[in-house]
PDB file of N, CA and C in Angstrom:
ATOM      1  N   MET A   1      15.321 -22.502  -9.392  1.00  0.00           N
ATOM      2  CA  MET A   1      14.417 -22.571 -10.517  1.00  0.00           C
ATOM      3  C   MET A   1      14.364 -21.197 -11.176  1.00  0.00           C
ATOM      4  N   THR A   2      14.571 -21.159 -12.468  1.00  0.00           N
ATOM      5  CA  THR A   2      14.457 -19.926 -13.223  1.00  0.00           C
ATOM      6  C   THR A   2      13.256 -20.035 -14.137  1.00  0.00           C
ATOM      7  N   GLU A   3      12.319 -19.138 -13.953  1.00  0.00           N
ATOM      8  CA  GLU A   3      11.108 -19.131 -14.756  1.00  0.00           C
ATOM      9  C   GLU A   3      10.879 -17.727 -15.267  1.00  0.00           C
ATOM     10  N   ASP A   4      10.017 -17.627 -16.243  1.00  0.00           N
ATOM     11  CA  ASP A   4       9.504 -16.332 -16.640  1.00  0.00           C
ATOM     12  C   ASP A   4       7.995 -16.463 -16.762  1.00  0.00           C
ATOM     13  N   SER A   5       7.349 -15.385 -17.116  1.00  0.00           N
ATOM     14  CA  SER A   5       5.888 -15.389 -17.116  1.00  0.00           C
ATOM     15  C   SER A   5       5.298 -16.349 -18.137  1.00  0.00           C
ATOM     16  N   SER A   6       6.085 -16.788 -19.113  1.00  0.00           N
ATOM     17  CA  SER A   6       5.549 -17.726 -20.105  1.00  0.00           C
ATOM     18  C   SER A   6       5.219 -19.088 -19.489  1.00  0.00           C
ATOM     19  N   ALA A   7       5.728 -19.348 -18.295  1.00  0.00           N
ATOM     20  CA  ALA A   7       5.394 -20.581 -17.594  1.00  0.00           C
ATOM     21  C   ALA A   7       3.982 -20.517 -17.013  1.00  0.00           C
ATOM     22  N   TYR A   8       3.392 -19.320 -17.038  1.00  0.00           N
ATOM     23  CA  TYR A   8       2.061 -19.082 -16.488  1.00  0.00           C
ATOM     24  C   TYR A   8       1.251 -18.265 -17.501  1.00  0.00           C
ATOM     25  N   PRO A   9       0.901 -18.835 -18.639  1.00  0.00           N
ATOM     26  CA  PRO A   9       0.286 -18.031 -19.713  1.00  0.00           C
ATOM     27  C   PRO A   9      -1.051 -17.393 -19.350  1.00  0.00           C
ATOM     28  N   GLU A  10      -1.886 -18.066 -18.583  1.00  0.00           N
ATOM     29  CA  GLU A  10      -3.180 -17.463 -18.209  1.00  0.00           C
ATOM     30  C   GLU A  10      -2.979 -16.296 -17.243  1.00  0.00           C
ATOM     31  N   LEU A  11      -2.136 -16.484 -16.242  1.00  0.00           N
ATOM     32  CA  LEU A  11      -1.843 -15.389 -15.314  1.00  0.00           C
ATOM     33  C   LEU A  11      -1.194 -14.218 -16.041  1.00  0.00           C
ATOM     34  N   ALA A  12      -0.255 -14.509 -16.924  1.00  0.00           N
ATOM     35  CA  ALA A  12       0.421 -13.446 -17.669  1.00  0.00           C
ATOM     36  C   ALA A  12      -0.567 -12.679 -18.535  1.00  0.00           C
ATOM     37  N   ALA A  13      -1.467 -13.382 -19.188  1.00  0.00           N
ATOM     38  CA  ALA A  13      -2.459 -12.718 -20.032  1.00  0.00           C
ATOM     39  C   ALA A  13      -3.366 -11.816 -19.199  1.00  0.00           C
ATOM     40  N   LEU A  14      -3.796 -12.300 -18.043  1.00  0.00           N
ATOM     41  CA  LEU A  14      -4.633 -11.500 -17.152  1.00  0.00           C
ATOM     42  C   LEU A  14      -3.908 -10.225 -16.721  1.00  0.00           C
ATOM     43  N   VAL A  15      -2.681 -10.361 -16.254  1.00  0.00           N
ATOM     44  CA  VAL A  15      -1.924  -9.201 -15.783  1.00  0.00           C
ATOM     45  C   VAL A  15      -1.696  -8.218 -16.925  1.00  0.00           C
ATOM     46  N   ASP A  16      -1.285  -8.712 -18.084  1.00  0.00           N
ATOM     47  CA  ASP A  16      -1.025  -7.830 -19.222  1.00  0.00           C
ATOM     48  C   ASP A  16      -2.283  -7.103 -19.683  1.00  0.00           C
ATOM     49  N   ALA A  17      -3.402  -7.805 -19.698  1.00  0.00           N
ATOM     50  CA  ALA A  17      -4.643  -7.233 -20.229  1.00  0.00           C
ATOM     51  C   ALA A  17      -5.353  -6.299 -19.259  1.00  0.00           C
ATOM     52  N   CYS A  18      -5.222  -6.563 -17.965  1.00  0.00           N
ATOM     53  CA  CYS A  18      -6.088  -5.857 -17.016  1.00  0.00           C
ATOM     54  C   CYS A  18      -5.388  -5.019 -15.951  1.00  0.00           C
ATOM     55  N   PHE A  19      -4.187  -5.361 -15.548  1.00  0.00           N
ATOM     56  CA  PHE A  19      -3.570  -4.663 -14.427  1.00  0.00           C
ATOM     57  C   PHE A  19      -2.617  -3.575 -14.913  1.00  0.00           C
ATOM     58  N   HIS A  20      -3.241  -2.501 -15.397  1.00  0.00           N
ATOM     59  CA  HIS A  20      -2.520  -1.333 -15.912  1.00  0.00           C
ATOM     60  C   HIS A  20      -3.312  -0.094 -15.544  1.00  0.00           C
ATOM     61  N   GLN A  21      -2.910   1.049 -16.037  1.00  0.00           N
ATOM     62  CA  GLN A  21      -3.525   2.309 -15.627  1.00  0.00           C
ATOM     63  C   GLN A  21      -5.021   2.382 -15.936  1.00  0.00           C
ATOM     64  N   ASP A  22      -5.503   1.605 -16.889  1.00  0.00           N
ATOM     65  CA  ASP A  22      -6.927   1.610 -17.225  1.00  0.00           C
ATOM     66  C   ASP A  22      -7.675   0.440 -16.588  1.00  0.00           C
ATOM     67  N   MET A  23      -7.130  -0.086 -15.515  1.00  0.00           N
ATOM     68  CA  MET A  23      -7.721  -1.234 -14.834  1.00  0.00           C
ATOM     69  C   MET A  23      -9.183  -0.998 -14.463  1.00  0.00           C
ATOM     70  N   ASP A  24      -9.519   0.241 -14.132  1.00  0.00           N
ATOM     71  CA  ASP A  24     -10.882   0.535 -13.693  1.00  0.00           C
ATOM     72  C   ASP A  24     -11.922   0.309 -14.787  1.00  0.00           C
ATOM     73  N   LEU A  25     -11.495   0.117 -16.019  1.00  0.00           N
ATOM     74  CA  LEU A  25     -12.433  -0.232 -17.087  1.00  0.00           C
ATOM     75  C   LEU A  25     -13.028  -1.618 -16.871  1.00  0.00           C
ATOM     76  N   PHE A  26     -12.326  -2.445 -16.111  1.00  0.00           N
ATOM     77  CA  PHE A  26     -12.736  -3.832 -15.898  1.00  0.00           C
ATOM     78  C   PHE A  26     -13.411  -4.045 -14.551  1.00  0.00           C
ATOM     79  N   GLY A  27     -13.338  -3.061 -13.667  1.00  0.00           N
ATOM     80  CA  GLY A  27     -13.958  -3.174 -12.354  1.00  0.00           C
ATOM     81  C   GLY A  27     -13.254  -2.296 -11.344  1.00  0.00           C
ATOM     82  N   ASP A  28     -13.878  -2.166 -10.191  1.00  0.00           N
ATOM     83  CA  ASP A  28     -13.327  -1.309  -9.143  1.00  0.00           C
ATOM     84  C   ASP A  28     -12.373  -2.031  -8.207  1.00  0.00           C
ATOM     85  N   THR A  29     -12.429  -3.353  -8.188  1.00  0.00           N
ATOM     86  CA  THR A  29     -11.605  -4.147  -7.275  1.00  0.00           C
ATOM     87  C   THR A  29     -10.935  -5.281  -8.047  1.00  0.00           C
ATOM     88  N   ASN A  30      -9.952  -5.905  -7.409  1.00  0.00           N
ATOM     89  CA  ASN A  30      -9.339  -7.084  -8.024  1.00  0.00           C
ATOM     90  C   ASN A  30     -10.394  -8.141  -8.302  1.00  0.00           C
ATOM     91  N   GLU A  31     -11.315  -8.334  -7.366  1.00  0.00           N
ATOM     92  CA  GLU A  31     -12.360  -9.340  -7.551  1.00  0.00           C
ATOM     93  C   GLU A  31     -13.198  -9.040  -8.794  1.00  0.00           C
ATOM     94  N   ASP A  32     -13.577  -7.773  -8.984  1.00  0.00           N
ATOM     95  CA  ASP A  32     -14.340  -7.389 -10.184  1.00  0.00           C
ATOM     96  C   ASP A  32     -13.559  -7.716 -11.458  1.00  0.00           C
ATOM     97  N   VAL A  33     -12.273  -7.385 -11.443  1.00  0.00           N
ATOM     98  CA  VAL A  33     -11.430  -7.641 -12.611  1.00  0.00           C
ATOM     99  C   VAL A  33     -11.329  -9.141 -12.872  1.00  0.00           C
ATOM    100  N   PHE A  34     -11.133  -9.926 -11.824  1.00  0.00           N
ATOM    101  CA  PHE A  34     -11.047 -11.379 -11.991  1.00  0.00           C
ATOM    102  C   PHE A  34     -12.345 -11.925 -12.572  1.00  0.00           C
ATOM    103  N   ARG A  35     -13.464 -11.489 -12.051  1.00  0.00           N
ATOM    104  CA  ARG A  35     -14.760 -11.968 -12.558  1.00  0.00           C
ATOM    105  C   ARG A  35     -14.948 -11.582 -14.024  1.00  0.00           C
ATOM    106  N   TYR A  36     -14.573 -10.366 -14.363  1.00  0.00           N
ATOM    107  CA  TYR A  36     -14.641  -9.924 -15.760  1.00  0.00           C
ATOM    108  C   TYR A  36     -13.797 -10.847 -16.647  1.00  0.00           C
ATOM    109  N   TRP A  37     -12.579 -11.128 -16.188  1.00  0.00           N
ATOM    110  CA  TRP A  37     -11.641 -11.920 -16.998  1.00  0.00           C
ATOM    111  C   TRP A  37     -12.127 -13.348 -17.204  1.00  0.00           C
ATOM    112  N   VAL A  38     -12.548 -13.995 -16.143  1.00  0.00           N
ATOM    113  CA  VAL A  38     -12.890 -15.417 -16.264  1.00  0.00           C
ATOM    114  C   VAL A  38     -14.231 -15.645 -16.946  1.00  0.00           C
ATOM    115  N   GLN A  39     -15.130 -14.663 -16.927  1.00  0.00           N
ATOM    116  CA  GLN A  39     -16.434 -14.862 -17.557  1.00  0.00           C
ATOM    117  C   GLN A  39     -16.315 -15.135 -19.047  1.00  0.00           C
ATOM    118  N   GLY A  40     -15.275 -14.612 -19.679  1.00  0.00           N
ATOM    119  CA  GLY A  40     -15.104 -14.826 -21.107  1.00  0.00           C
ATOM    120  C   GLY A  40     -14.257 -16.039 -21.454  1.00  0.00           C
ATOM    121  N   GLY A  41     -13.746 -16.717 -20.444  1.00  0.00           N
ATOM    122  CA  GLY A  41     -12.853 -17.844 -20.692  1.00  0.00           C
ATOM    123  C   GLY A  41     -13.581 -19.169 -20.759  1.00  0.00           C
ATOM    124  N   SER A  42     -12.973 -20.085 -21.450  1.00  0.00           N
ATOM    125  CA  SER A  42     -13.521 -21.440 -21.533  1.00  0.00           C
ATOM    126  C   SER A  42     -13.293 -22.174 -20.216  1.00  0.00           C
ATOM    127  N   ALA A  43     -13.960 -23.287 -20.057  1.00  0.00           N
ATOM    128  CA  ALA A  43     -13.749 -24.111 -18.867  1.00  0.00           C
ATOM    129  C   ALA A  43     -12.289 -24.558 -18.778  1.00  0.00           C
ATOM    130  N   ALA A  44     -11.703 -24.873 -19.911  1.00  0.00           N
ATOM    131  CA  ALA A  44     -10.296 -25.296 -19.921  1.00  0.00           C
ATOM    132  C   ALA A  44      -9.380 -24.153 -19.487  1.00  0.00           C
ATOM    133  N   ALA A  45      -9.654 -22.942 -19.955  1.00  0.00           N
ATOM    134  CA  ALA A  45      -8.832 -21.790 -19.573  1.00  0.00           C
ATOM    135  C   ALA A  45      -8.980 -21.485 -18.089  1.00  0.00           C
ATOM    136  N   ARG A  46     -10.193 -21.609 -17.569  1.00  0.00           N
ATOM    137  CA  ARG A  46     -10.404 -21.378 -16.137  1.00  0.00           C
ATOM    138  C   ARG A  46      -9.683 -22.438 -15.304  1.00  0.00           C
ATOM    139  N   ALA A  47      -9.724 -23.682 -15.755  1.00  0.00           N
ATOM    140  CA  ALA A  47      -9.013 -24.752 -15.048  1.00  0.00           C
ATOM    141  C   ALA A  47      -7.507 -24.519 -15.098  1.00  0.00           C
ATOM    142  N   GLN A  48      -7.021 -24.064 -16.238  1.00  0.00           N
ATOM    143  CA  GLN A  48      -5.588 -23.774 -16.358  1.00  0.00           C
ATOM    144  C   GLN A  48      -5.204 -22.619 -15.441  1.00  0.00           C
ATOM    145  N   MET A  49      -6.045 -21.594 -15.356  1.00  0.00           N
ATOM    146  CA  MET A  49      -5.766 -20.465 -14.463  1.00  0.00           C
ATOM    147  C   MET A  49      -5.636 -20.964 -13.025  1.00  0.00           C
ATOM    148  N   ALA A  50      -6.579 -21.794 -12.592  1.00  0.00           N
ATOM    149  CA  ALA A  50      -6.532 -22.330 -11.230  1.00  0.00           C
ATOM    150  C   ALA A  50      -5.250 -23.141 -11.007  1.00  0.00           C
ATOM    151  N   ALA A  51      -4.883 -23.943 -11.991  1.00  0.00           N
ATOM    152  CA  ALA A  51      -3.666 -24.755 -11.880  1.00  0.00           C
ATOM    153  C   ALA A  51      -2.422 -23.870 -11.819  1.00  0.00           C
ATOM    154  N   GLU A  52      -2.405 -22.798 -12.593  1.00  0.00           N
ATOM    155  CA  GLU A  52      -1.259 -21.879 -12.578  1.00  0.00           C
ATOM    156  C   GLU A  52      -1.147 -21.175 -11.234  1.00  0.00           C
ATOM    157  N   VAL A  53      -2.283 -20.786 -10.652  1.00  0.00           N
ATOM    158  CA  VAL A  53      -2.256 -20.169  -9.322  1.00  0.00           C
ATOM    159  C   VAL A  53      -1.672 -21.153  -8.309  1.00  0.00           C
ATOM    160  N   ASP A  54      -2.149 -22.388  -8.328  1.00  0.00           N
ATOM    161  CA  ASP A  54      -1.622 -23.398  -7.404  1.00  0.00           C
ATOM    162  C   ASP A  54      -0.127 -23.604  -7.597  1.00  0.00           C
ATOM    163  N   ARG A  55       0.283 -23.685  -8.855  1.00  0.00           N
ATOM    164  CA  ARG A  55       1.696 -23.921  -9.148  1.00  0.00           C
ATOM    165  C   ARG A  55       2.557 -22.742  -8.706  1.00  0.00           C
ATOM    166  N   PHE A  56       2.074 -21.520  -8.959  1.00  0.00           N
ATOM    167  CA  PHE A  56       2.825 -20.336  -8.553  1.00  0.00           C
ATOM    168  C   PHE A  56       2.976 -20.288  -7.035  1.00  0.00           C
ATOM    169  N   ILE A  57       1.870 -20.477  -6.313  1.00  0.00           N
ATOM    170  CA  ILE A  57       1.929 -20.430  -4.846  1.00  0.00           C
ATOM    171  C   ILE A  57       2.878 -21.501  -4.314  1.00  0.00           C
ATOM    172  N   GLY A  58       2.854 -22.678  -4.915  1.00  0.00           N
ATOM    173  CA  GLY A  58       3.760 -23.743  -4.494  1.00  0.00           C
ATOM    174  C   GLY A  58       5.215 -23.474  -4.827  1.00  0.00           C
ATOM    175  N   ALA A  59       5.452 -22.774  -5.927  1.00  0.00           N
ATOM    176  CA  ALA A  59       6.824 -22.521  -6.372  1.00  0.00           C
ATOM    177  C   ALA A  59       7.503 -21.386  -5.613  1.00  0.00           C
ATOM    178  N   TYR A  60       6.724 -20.466  -5.065  1.00  0.00           N
ATOM    179  CA  TYR A  60       7.302 -19.275  -4.438  1.00  0.00           C
ATOM    180  C   TYR A  60       6.730 -19.041  -3.042  1.00  0.00           C
ATOM    181  N   PRO A  61       6.922 -19.989  -2.123  1.00  0.00           N
ATOM    182  CA  PRO A  61       6.330 -19.840  -0.787  1.00  0.00           C
ATOM    183  C   PRO A  61       7.010 -18.774   0.072  1.00  0.00           C
ATOM    184  N   ASP A  62       8.266 -18.463  -0.196  1.00  0.00           N
ATOM    185  CA  ASP A  62       9.017 -17.571   0.685  1.00  0.00           C
ATOM    186  C   ASP A  62       8.874 -16.092   0.355  1.00  0.00           C
ATOM    187  N   ALA A  63       8.708 -15.742  -0.893  1.00  0.00           N
ATOM    188  CA  ALA A  63       8.602 -14.335  -1.286  1.00  0.00           C
ATOM    189  C   ALA A  63       7.662 -14.216  -2.490  1.00  0.00           C
ATOM    190  N   PRO A  64       6.398 -14.574  -2.304  1.00  0.00           N
ATOM    191  CA  PRO A  64       5.495 -14.596  -3.453  1.00  0.00           C
ATOM    192  C   PRO A  64       5.289 -13.232  -4.118  1.00  0.00           C
ATOM    193  N   LEU A  65       5.194 -12.167  -3.335  1.00  0.00           N
ATOM    194  CA  LEU A  65       4.934 -10.858  -3.946  1.00  0.00           C
ATOM    195  C   LEU A  65       6.117 -10.403  -4.794  1.00  0.00           C
ATOM    196  N   THR A  66       7.313 -10.521  -4.260  1.00  0.00           N
ATOM    197  CA  THR A  66       8.496 -10.141  -5.029  1.00  0.00           C
ATOM    198  C   THR A  66       8.620 -10.989  -6.287  1.00  0.00           C
ATOM    199  N   SER A  67       8.381 -12.282  -6.150  1.00  0.00           N
ATOM    200  CA  SER A  67       8.459 -13.181  -7.302  1.00  0.00           C
ATOM    201  C   SER A  67       7.395 -12.839  -8.339  1.00  0.00           C
ATOM    202  N   PHE A  68       6.173 -12.590  -7.885  1.00  0.00           N
ATOM    203  CA  PHE A  68       5.085 -12.239  -8.800  1.00  0.00           C
ATOM    204  C   PHE A  68       5.422 -10.963  -9.560  1.00  0.00           C
ATOM    205  N   ASN A  69       5.857  -9.950  -8.826  1.00  0.00           N
ATOM    206  CA  ASN A  69       6.179  -8.673  -9.469  1.00  0.00           C
ATOM    207  C   ASN A  69       7.350  -8.794 -10.432  1.00  0.00           C
ATOM    208  N   THR A  70       8.316  -9.634 -10.120  1.00  0.00           N
ATOM    209  CA  THR A  70       9.451  -9.859 -11.014  1.00  0.00           C
ATOM    210  C   THR A  70       9.017 -10.595 -12.279  1.00  0.00           C
ATOM    211  N   LEU A  71       8.201 -11.637 -12.109  1.00  0.00           N
ATOM    212  CA  LEU A  71       7.761 -12.431 -13.263  1.00  0.00           C
ATOM    213  C   LEU A  71       6.793 -11.673 -14.172  1.00  0.00           C
ATOM    214  N   PHE A  72       5.806 -11.026 -13.586  1.00  0.00           N
ATOM    215  CA  PHE A  72       4.706 -10.475 -14.372  1.00  0.00           C
ATOM    216  C   PHE A  72       4.777  -8.967 -14.585  1.00  0.00           C
ATOM    217  N   GLN A  73       5.505  -8.264 -13.756  1.00  0.00           N
ATOM    218  CA  GLN A  73       5.691  -6.821 -13.862  1.00  0.00           C
ATOM    219  C   GLN A  73       4.381  -6.059 -14.085  1.00  0.00           C
ATOM    220  N   PRO A  74       3.415  -6.239 -13.178  1.00  0.00           N
ATOM    221  CA  PRO A  74       2.150  -5.518 -13.336  1.00  0.00           C
ATOM    222  C   PRO A  74       2.337  -4.019 -13.155  1.00  0.00           C
ATOM    223  N   GLU A  75       1.627  -3.241 -13.951  1.00  0.00           N
ATOM    224  CA  GLU A  75       1.655  -1.787 -13.771  1.00  0.00           C
ATOM    225  C   GLU A  75       0.905  -1.389 -12.511  1.00  0.00           C
ATOM    226  N   MET A  76      -0.145  -2.132 -12.190  1.00  0.00           N
ATOM    227  CA  MET A  76      -0.939  -1.882 -10.987  1.00  0.00           C
ATOM    228  C   MET A  76      -0.732  -3.073 -10.047  1.00  0.00           C
ATOM    229  N   PRO A  77      -0.483  -2.811  -8.776  1.00  0.00           N
ATOM    230  CA  PRO A  77      -0.215  -3.909  -7.849  1.00  0.00           C
ATOM    231  C   PRO A  77      -1.457  -4.753  -7.569  1.00  0.00           C
ATOM    232  N   LEU A  78      -1.236  -6.039  -7.394  1.00  0.00           N
ATOM    233  CA  LEU A  78      -2.324  -6.920  -6.985  1.00  0.00           C
ATOM    234  C   LEU A  78      -2.448  -6.978  -5.467  1.00  0.00           C
ATOM    235  N   ALA A  79      -1.376  -6.656  -4.754  1.00  0.00           N
ATOM    236  CA  ALA A  79      -1.386  -6.710  -3.291  1.00  0.00           C
ATOM    237  C   ALA A  79      -0.216  -5.889  -2.763  1.00  0.00           C
ATOM    238  N   ASP A  80      -0.276  -5.611  -1.450  1.00  0.00           N
ATOM    239  CA  ASP A  80       0.776  -4.832  -0.804  1.00  0.00           C
ATOM    240  C   ASP A  80       1.827  -5.675  -0.104  1.00  0.00           C
ATOM    241  N   ASP A  81       1.492  -6.940   0.166  1.00  0.00           N
ATOM    242  CA  ASP A  81       2.434  -7.798   0.884  1.00  0.00           C
ATOM    243  C   ASP A  81       2.200  -9.258   0.488  1.00  0.00           C
ATOM    244  N   ASP A  82       3.062 -10.136   0.985  1.00  0.00           N
ATOM    245  CA  ASP A  82       2.985 -11.557   0.620  1.00  0.00           C
ATOM    246  C   ASP A  82       1.638 -12.173   0.974  1.00  0.00           C
ATOM    247  N   ALA A  83       1.166 -11.922   2.189  1.00  0.00           N
ATOM    248  CA  ALA A  83      -0.113 -12.499   2.611  1.00  0.00           C
ATOM    249  C   ALA A  83      -1.259 -11.989   1.743  1.00  0.00           C
ATOM    250  N   GLY A  84      -1.206 -10.711   1.390  1.00  0.00           N
ATOM    251  CA  GLY A  84      -2.241 -10.141   0.534  1.00  0.00           C
ATOM    252  C   GLY A  84      -2.231 -10.758  -0.851  1.00  0.00           C
ATOM    253  N   LEU A  85      -1.052 -11.041  -1.378  1.00  0.00           N
ATOM    254  CA  LEU A  85      -0.983 -11.668  -2.705  1.00  0.00           C
ATOM    255  C   LEU A  85      -1.547 -13.084  -2.653  1.00  0.00           C
ATOM    256  N   ILE A  86      -1.190 -13.847  -1.634  1.00  0.00           N
ATOM    257  CA  ILE A  86      -1.722 -15.207  -1.511  1.00  0.00           C
ATOM    258  C   ILE A  86      -3.249 -15.160  -1.405  1.00  0.00           C
ATOM    259  N   GLU A  87      -3.763 -14.238  -0.611  1.00  0.00           N
ATOM    260  CA  GLU A  87      -5.217 -14.086  -0.486  1.00  0.00           C
ATOM    261  C   GLU A  87      -5.845 -13.716  -1.832  1.00  0.00           C
ATOM    262  N   THR A  88      -5.216 -12.811  -2.553  1.00  0.00           N
ATOM    263  CA  THR A  88      -5.725 -12.372  -3.854  1.00  0.00           C
ATOM    264  C   THR A  88      -5.698 -13.508  -4.868  1.00  0.00           C
ATOM    265  N   LEU A  89      -4.598 -14.233  -4.931  1.00  0.00           N
ATOM    266  CA  LEU A  89      -4.508 -15.351  -5.881  1.00  0.00           C
ATOM    267  C   LEU A  89      -5.473 -16.478  -5.506  1.00  0.00           C
ATOM    268  N   THR A  90      -5.667 -16.688  -4.216  1.00  0.00           N
ATOM    269  CA  THR A  90      -6.629 -17.702  -3.777  1.00  0.00           C
ATOM    270  C   THR A  90      -8.039 -17.301  -4.209  1.00  0.00           C
ATOM    271  N   MET A  91      -8.363 -16.023  -4.108  1.00  0.00           N
ATOM    272  CA  MET A  91      -9.659 -15.539  -4.571  1.00  0.00           C
ATOM    273  C   MET A  91      -9.790 -15.766  -6.081  1.00  0.00           C
ATOM    274  N   LEU A  92      -8.749 -15.454  -6.833  1.00  0.00           N
ATOM    275  CA  LEU A  92      -8.762 -15.683  -8.283  1.00  0.00           C
ATOM    276  C   LEU A  92      -9.014 -17.154  -8.579  1.00  0.00           C
ATOM    277  N   ARG A  93      -8.336 -18.028  -7.872  1.00  0.00           N
ATOM    278  CA  ARG A  93      -8.527 -19.468  -8.081  1.00  0.00           C
ATOM    279  C   ARG A  93      -9.974 -19.873  -7.851  1.00  0.00           C
ATOM    280  N   LYS A  94     -10.547 -19.387  -6.754  1.00  0.00           N
ATOM    281  CA  LYS A  94     -11.940 -19.718  -6.440  1.00  0.00           C
ATOM    282  C   LYS A  94     -12.890 -19.200  -7.500  1.00  0.00           C
ATOM    283  N   ILE A  95     -12.650 -18.012  -7.996  1.00  0.00           N
ATOM    284  CA  ILE A  95     -13.484 -17.464  -9.068  1.00  0.00           C
ATOM    285  C   ILE A  95     -13.329 -18.299 -10.333  1.00  0.00           C
ATOM    286  N   ALA A  96     -12.102 -18.666 -10.641  1.00  0.00           N
ATOM    287  CA  ALA A  96     -11.838 -19.435 -11.869  1.00  0.00           C
ATOM    288  C   ALA A  96     -12.538 -20.781 -11.848  1.00  0.00           C
ATOM    289  N   ILE A  97     -12.564 -21.433 -10.693  1.00  0.00           N
ATOM    290  CA  ILE A  97     -13.192 -22.766 -10.652  1.00  0.00           C
ATOM    291  C   ILE A  97     -14.660 -22.713 -10.231  1.00  0.00           C
ATOM    292  N   GLY A  98     -15.150 -21.489  -9.982  1.00  0.00           N
ATOM    293  CA  GLY A  98     -16.563 -21.329  -9.687  1.00  0.00           C
ATOM    294  C   GLY A  98     -16.981 -21.643  -8.273  1.00  0.00           C
ATOM    295  N   THR A  99     -16.067 -21.522  -7.311  1.00  0.00           N
ATOM    296  CA  THR A  99     -16.438 -21.786  -5.927  1.00  0.00           C
ATOM    297  C   THR A  99     -16.530 -20.519  -5.098  1.00  0.00           C
ATOM    298  N   SER A 100     -16.436 -19.376  -5.736  1.00  0.00           N
ATOM    299  CA  SER A 100     -16.560 -18.106  -5.029  1.00  0.00           C
ATOM    300  C   SER A 100     -17.980 -17.587  -5.203  1.00  0.00           C
ATOM    301  N   PRO A 101     -18.585 -17.093  -4.124  1.00  0.00           N
ATOM    302  CA  PRO A 101     -19.968 -16.580  -4.232  1.00  0.00           C
ATOM    303  C   PRO A 101     -20.077 -15.400  -5.182  1.00  0.00           C
TER     304      PRO A 101
END
């Protein structure tokens, strides 16, 4: 499967807008940044974000971090390893659908 970030427009927009050298403007942690991002989104955009996270995790089970970095090319890393990325994206999904405290 050959994809690019346009297959994940909500994730791509989040990475482009927030995960760069000025990331701290949006929060001190990934969770802060995710909460900042989703608070301004519509219910449809939040649902799409959750669906994109699910689709990404399903599409790249063997090397999610390498695949994520190749597709989205974040200036600031979201995680240090595959397990950390899955945990981070799962947190984003929960925030997007409103099931995170």
